[in-house]
Amino acid sequence: MKVIFLGDVVGKPGRQAVKGTLGVLMKQYGADFAVVNGENMAGGTGITPETAADLFESGAHVITSGNHVWKKKEVNDLLQQDRRILRPANYPKGAPGDGWTLVENDRGQKLGVVNLQGRVFMEQIDCPFRKADEIVDNLRKQTRCILVDMHAETTSEKRAIGYYLDGRVSFVVGTHTHVQTADDEIFAHGTGFLTDAGMCGPTDSVIGVRKELVLQKFLTGRPVGFQVASEGVMVQGAFVEIDDANGKCLRIERIRRPPADMPNVSSKEK
């Protein structure tokens, strides 16, 4: 099985980049599935029905998210209506939607996707490690090919859950920090790992935001209205190849490239 994972999509520049590039990547790698983190795709934070439709039309099979998933009120209904859109599984009972899903293609291949959120320097929600135990044990009865999006602030927490799930899932990939790391590896028991996939969006920025606004925030300490930047757009993520029979990761290749077809997007556009 071959899977494309794309890091956090930031605003309209990120959506446009994915729209022009994901199909090209799928053909280039002969990928069977595409999973994309979309928690920042609506104006820089959140998901709406329209932006989710953009990603699905671009070729995404599953949209994962993180702590910004709740920023748009429309998402509550969206999460309950479409199981292809995930919120972190370890939000407390009662949160709308699901934190995992199982997708199947027309060749009968099944991919389990799990979305978790870290707790270090983030909201103190339920334990992602224990929630992973619960979900992964269940998913493994249906498929050995499982991808985990660990949306977390610290490298230590992401790496820890990678080791914790080694041999039980195929690939653990981190999101949230928007800076791609160069530590892709396959752990001893066959789980692939990458601390952060990076982002799909403007790199001439501070993690997707217009740099002058971020500098103003740091220099003054006062609230500043952030806006999505527009220059230097890149598509970042990873390609992974998985053994269908046992779910072990066979190969990881980081993706970092300019979009294949990118129209001009004004900095005022979201």
Protein backbone atom coordinates (compact mmCIF):
# COMPACT_ATOMS: atom_id res chain seq x y z
CA MET A 1 0.00 0.00 0.00
CA LYS A 2 1.21 3.49 -0.87
CA VAL A 3 0.01 6.55 1.03
CA ILE A 4 0.54 10.30 0.66
CA PHE A 5 0.27 12.38 3.84
CA LEU A 6 0.26 16.19 3.59
CA GLY A 7 0.95 18.49 6.53
CA ASP A 8 -1.26 21.31 7.82
CA VAL A 9 -2.97 23.14 4.95
CA VAL A 10 -2.84 26.88 5.69
CA GLY A 11 -5.54 29.13 4.25
CA LYS A 12 -6.41 29.64 0.62
CA PRO A 13 -2.79 29.51 -0.58
CA GLY A 14 -2.46 26.06 0.98
CA ARG A 15 -5.76 24.83 -0.46
CA GLN A 16 -4.82 26.08 -3.93
CA ALA A 17 -1.44 24.40 -3.68
CA VAL A 18 -2.97 21.07 -2.70
CA LYS A 19 -5.57 21.38 -5.44
CA GLY A 20 -2.87 21.77 -8.07
CA THR A 21 -0.44 19.23 -6.67
CA LEU A 22 -2.07 16.29 -4.87
CA GLY A 23 -3.22 14.60 -8.08
CA VAL A 24 0.29 14.95 -9.51
CA LEU A 25 1.80 13.39 -6.38
CA MET A 26 -0.71 10.53 -6.40
CA LYS A 27 0.31 9.65 -9.97
CA GLN A 28 4.02 10.16 -9.34
CA TYR A 29 4.07 7.77 -6.38
CA GLY A 30 1.29 5.45 -7.54
CA ALA A 31 -0.44 6.19 -4.23
CA ASP A 32 -3.55 4.35 -3.11
CA PHE A 33 -4.68 6.85 -0.46
CA ALA A 34 -4.14 10.49 0.48
CA VAL A 35 -4.53 11.84 4.04
CA VAL A 36 -4.33 15.60 4.63
CA ASN A 37 -4.33 17.67 7.83
CA GLY A 38 -6.84 20.47 7.26
CA GLU A 39 -7.27 22.19 10.63
CA ASN A 40 -5.90 25.53 9.38
CA MET A 41 -7.41 25.63 5.92
CA ALA A 42 -10.28 28.09 6.51
CA GLY A 43 -8.70 31.52 6.79
CA GLY A 44 -5.79 30.13 8.79
CA THR A 45 -7.77 28.32 11.49
CA GLY A 46 -10.63 25.85 11.31
CA ILE A 47 -12.58 23.82 8.76
CA THR A 48 -15.77 24.69 6.89
CA PRO A 49 -17.93 22.56 4.56
CA GLU A 50 -16.59 24.53 1.59
CA THR A 51 -12.92 24.10 2.47
CA ALA A 52 -13.40 20.41 3.25
CA ALA A 53 -15.04 19.98 -0.17
CA ASP A 54 -11.96 21.64 -1.72
CA LEU A 55 -9.67 18.99 -0.22
CA PHE A 56 -11.89 16.07 -1.16
CA GLU A 57 -12.17 17.37 -4.74
CA SER A 58 -8.37 17.62 -4.77
CA GLY A 59 -8.13 13.88 -4.03
CA ALA A 60 -7.94 13.58 -0.24
CA HIS A 61 -9.52 10.43 1.20
CA VAL A 62 -9.34 11.55 4.86
CA ILE A 63 -8.94 14.97 6.51
CA THR A 64 -7.30 15.03 9.94
CA SER A 65 -7.18 18.02 12.28
CA GLY A 66 -6.08 19.25 15.71
CA ASN A 67 -6.73 21.86 18.35
CA HIS A 68 -7.95 24.47 15.82
CA VAL A 69 -10.68 22.20 14.47
CA TRP A 70 -13.31 23.93 16.64
CA LYS A 71 -12.67 27.46 15.34
CA LYS A 72 -15.61 27.46 12.91
CA LYS A 73 -19.06 26.75 14.32
CA GLU A 74 -20.10 24.83 11.18
CA VAL A 75 -17.64 22.08 12.03
CA ASN A 76 -19.85 20.50 14.70
CA ASP A 77 -22.42 19.36 12.13
CA LEU A 78 -19.71 18.59 9.59
CA LEU A 79 -17.91 16.20 11.95
CA GLN A 80 -21.12 14.31 12.65
CA GLN A 81 -22.12 14.07 9.00
CA ASP A 82 -18.84 12.96 7.40
CA ARG A 83 -16.59 10.33 8.99
CA ARG A 84 -13.83 11.17 6.54
CA ILE A 85 -13.20 14.33 8.58
CA LEU A 86 -11.56 13.62 11.93
CA ARG A 87 -11.05 15.53 15.15
CA PRO A 88 -8.49 14.31 17.71
CA ALA A 89 -9.79 11.08 19.23
CA ASN A 90 -8.78 11.96 22.79
CA TYR A 91 -11.20 14.85 23.23
CA PRO A 92 -13.54 13.95 26.12
CA LYS A 93 -16.74 11.98 25.62
CA GLY A 94 -19.47 14.13 24.13
CA ALA A 95 -17.32 15.92 21.55
CA PRO A 96 -18.94 15.67 18.10
CA GLY A 97 -17.44 13.45 15.44
CA ASP A 98 -14.84 10.71 15.49
CA GLY A 99 -11.09 10.50 15.93
CA TRP A 100 -10.52 7.53 13.66
CA THR A 101 -11.84 6.05 10.45
CA LEU A 102 -11.34 3.13 8.07
CA VAL A 103 -11.25 3.78 4.33
CA GLU A 104 -11.29 1.18 1.58
CA ASN A 105 -10.49 1.54 -2.11
CA ASP A 106 -11.92 -0.33 -5.08
CA ARG A 107 -9.11 -2.91 -4.86
CA GLY A 108 -10.14 -3.89 -1.35
CA GLN A 109 -7.19 -2.24 0.40
CA LYS A 110 -8.09 -0.87 3.83
CA LEU A 111 -6.32 1.96 5.63
CA GLY A 112 -7.05 2.91 9.22
CA VAL A 113 -6.45 6.56 10.12
CA VAL A 114 -6.20 7.75 13.73
CA ASN A 115 -6.05 11.40 14.83
CA LEU A 116 -4.57 12.19 18.28
CA GLN A 117 -3.64 15.39 20.09
CA GLY A 118 -0.80 15.94 22.52
CA ARG A 119 -1.14 17.53 25.95
CA VAL A 120 2.25 19.16 26.57
CA PHE A 121 1.75 22.95 26.23
CA MET A 122 -1.74 22.25 24.88
CA GLU A 123 -5.24 21.68 26.24
CA GLN A 124 -5.40 19.06 29.00
CA ILE A 125 -7.71 16.62 27.29
CA ASP A 126 -7.77 12.83 27.67
CA CYS A 127 -4.59 10.77 27.42
CA PRO A 128 -3.56 10.17 23.78
CA PHE A 129 -1.54 7.07 24.70
CA ARG A 130 -4.44 5.25 26.36
CA LYS A 131 -6.87 6.39 23.67
CA ALA A 132 -4.47 5.02 21.04
CA ASP A 133 -4.47 1.64 22.81
CA GLU A 134 -8.24 1.50 22.63
CA ILE A 135 -8.54 2.48 18.97
CA VAL A 136 -5.53 0.67 17.52
CA ASP A 137 -6.40 -2.66 19.14
CA ASN A 138 -9.84 -2.40 17.55
CA LEU A 139 -8.59 -1.27 14.14
CA ARG A 140 -6.03 -4.07 13.88
CA LYS A 141 -8.92 -6.54 13.72
CA GLN A 142 -9.87 -4.93 10.39
CA THR A 143 -6.51 -3.90 8.90
CA ARG A 144 -2.82 -3.93 9.74
CA CYS A 145 -2.25 -0.73 7.73
CA ILE A 146 -2.75 2.16 10.16
CA LEU A 147 -1.61 5.78 9.95
CA VAL A 148 -1.56 8.01 13.05
CA ASP A 149 -1.56 11.82 12.89
CA MET A 150 -0.14 13.00 16.24
CA HIS A 151 -1.01 16.69 16.48
CA ALA A 152 1.28 18.00 19.20
CA GLU A 153 3.53 20.86 20.24
CA THR A 154 6.65 19.04 21.41
CA THR A 155 8.98 16.71 19.58
CA SER A 156 9.33 14.60 22.72
CA GLU A 157 5.63 13.77 22.96
CA LYS A 158 5.41 12.96 19.27
CA ARG A 159 8.46 10.70 19.39
CA ALA A 160 7.25 9.04 22.57
CA ILE A 161 3.98 7.97 20.99
CA GLY A 162 5.90 6.75 17.95
CA TYR A 163 7.88 4.37 20.14
CA TYR A 164 4.75 3.48 22.14
CA LEU A 165 2.95 2.36 18.98
CA ASP A 166 5.98 0.77 17.30
CA GLY A 167 4.94 -2.53 15.78
CA ARG A 168 1.23 -1.80 16.16
CA VAL A 169 0.75 0.87 13.49
CA SER A 170 2.36 1.53 10.13
CA PHE A 171 3.23 5.22 10.35
CA VAL A 172 3.17 7.92 13.04
CA VAL A 173 3.47 11.44 11.65
CA GLY A 174 3.43 14.66 13.63
CA THR A 175 1.58 17.84 12.73
CA HIS A 176 0.90 21.27 14.29
CA THR A 177 4.29 23.01 14.28
CA HIS A 178 4.29 23.62 10.49
CA VAL A 179 8.06 23.08 10.19
CA GLN A 180 9.09 19.88 8.44
CA THR A 181 11.66 17.79 10.27
CA ALA A 182 14.36 15.64 8.69
CA ASP A 183 14.20 12.67 11.07
CA ASP A 184 12.16 10.18 9.04
CA GLU A 185 12.99 6.65 10.11
CA ILE A 186 11.59 3.18 10.59
CA PHE A 187 11.63 1.98 14.18
CA ALA A 188 12.80 -1.47 15.28
CA HIS A 189 9.38 -3.14 15.08
CA GLY A 190 8.40 -1.70 11.72
CA THR A 191 6.60 1.59 12.42
CA GLY A 192 7.61 4.54 10.27
CA PHE A 193 8.02 7.90 11.99
CA LEU A 194 8.38 11.59 11.14
CA THR A 195 8.24 14.24 13.89
CA ASP A 196 6.50 16.83 11.71
CA ALA A 197 5.23 16.72 8.16
CA GLY A 198 5.48 20.48 7.70
CA MET A 199 2.73 22.52 6.05
CA CYS A 200 1.08 23.21 2.74
CA GLY A 201 1.16 26.97 2.54
CA PRO A 202 3.32 30.10 2.35
CA THR A 203 6.83 29.55 3.70
CA ASP A 204 7.82 33.22 3.34
CA SER A 205 6.08 33.68 6.66
CA VAL A 206 6.15 32.62 10.29
CA ILE A 207 4.44 29.22 10.16
CA GLY A 208 2.00 30.52 7.53
CA VAL A 209 1.27 33.95 9.03
CA ARG A 210 2.49 37.25 7.56
CA LYS A 211 5.87 37.69 9.20
CA GLU A 212 5.54 41.43 9.89
CA LEU A 213 2.44 40.77 11.99
CA VAL A 214 4.18 38.07 14.01
CA LEU A 215 7.18 40.33 14.57
CA GLN A 216 4.84 43.07 15.77
CA LYS A 217 3.33 40.63 18.26
CA PHE A 218 6.73 39.59 19.61
CA LEU A 219 8.09 43.13 19.78
CA THR A 220 5.09 44.77 21.44
CA GLY A 221 3.52 41.93 23.43
CA ARG A 222 0.13 43.24 22.36
CA PRO A 223 -2.64 41.35 20.53
CA VAL A 224 -2.27 41.44 16.75
CA GLY A 225 -4.75 40.20 14.16
CA PHE A 226 -2.94 37.51 12.20
CA GLN A 227 -3.38 37.10 8.43
CA VAL A 228 -2.32 34.25 6.18
CA ALA A 229 0.74 35.08 4.09
CA SER A 230 0.88 34.42 0.36
CA GLU A 231 4.48 34.09 -0.83
CA GLY A 232 6.82 31.13 -1.19
CA VAL A 233 4.08 28.50 -1.17
CA MET A 234 5.25 24.92 -0.69
CA VAL A 235 3.59 21.51 -0.44
CA GLN A 236 5.08 19.43 2.37
CA GLY A 237 4.38 15.99 3.72
CA ALA A 238 5.50 12.42 3.26
CA PHE A 239 5.07 9.37 1.08
CA VAL A 240 5.00 6.01 2.82
CA GLU A 241 4.95 2.48 1.47
CA ILE A 242 3.39 -0.17 3.71
CA ASP A 243 3.41 -3.96 3.55
CA ASP A 244 -0.27 -4.87 3.12
CA ALA A 245 0.16 -8.21 4.85
CA ASN A 246 1.75 -7.16 8.13
CA GLY A 247 1.34 -3.37 8.18
CA LYS A 248 5.07 -2.66 8.52
CA CYS A 249 6.50 0.48 6.95
CA LEU A 250 8.79 -0.32 4.03
CA ARG A 251 9.80 3.17 2.92
CA ILE A 252 9.38 6.84 3.81
CA GLU A 253 10.14 9.77 1.54
CA ARG A 254 9.65 13.35 2.67
CA ILE A 255 7.77 15.61 0.26
CA ARG A 256 8.80 19.25 -0.06
CA ARG A 257 8.08 20.94 -3.36
CA PRO A 258 6.51 24.02 -4.94
CA PRO A 259 2.94 23.50 -6.10
CA ALA A 260 2.47 22.05 -9.56
CA ASP A 261 -0.14 24.65 -10.55
CA MET A 262 -0.50 27.71 -8.35
CA PRO A 263 -2.59 30.75 -9.30
CA ASN A 264 -1.72 34.13 -7.79
CA VAL A 265 -3.41 34.56 -4.41
CA SER A 266 -3.67 37.98 -2.79
CA SER A 267 -2.51 38.25 0.83
CA LYS A 268 -6.02 39.43 1.67
CA GLU A 269 -7.57 36.20 0.44
CA LYS A 270 -8.25 33.51 3.02
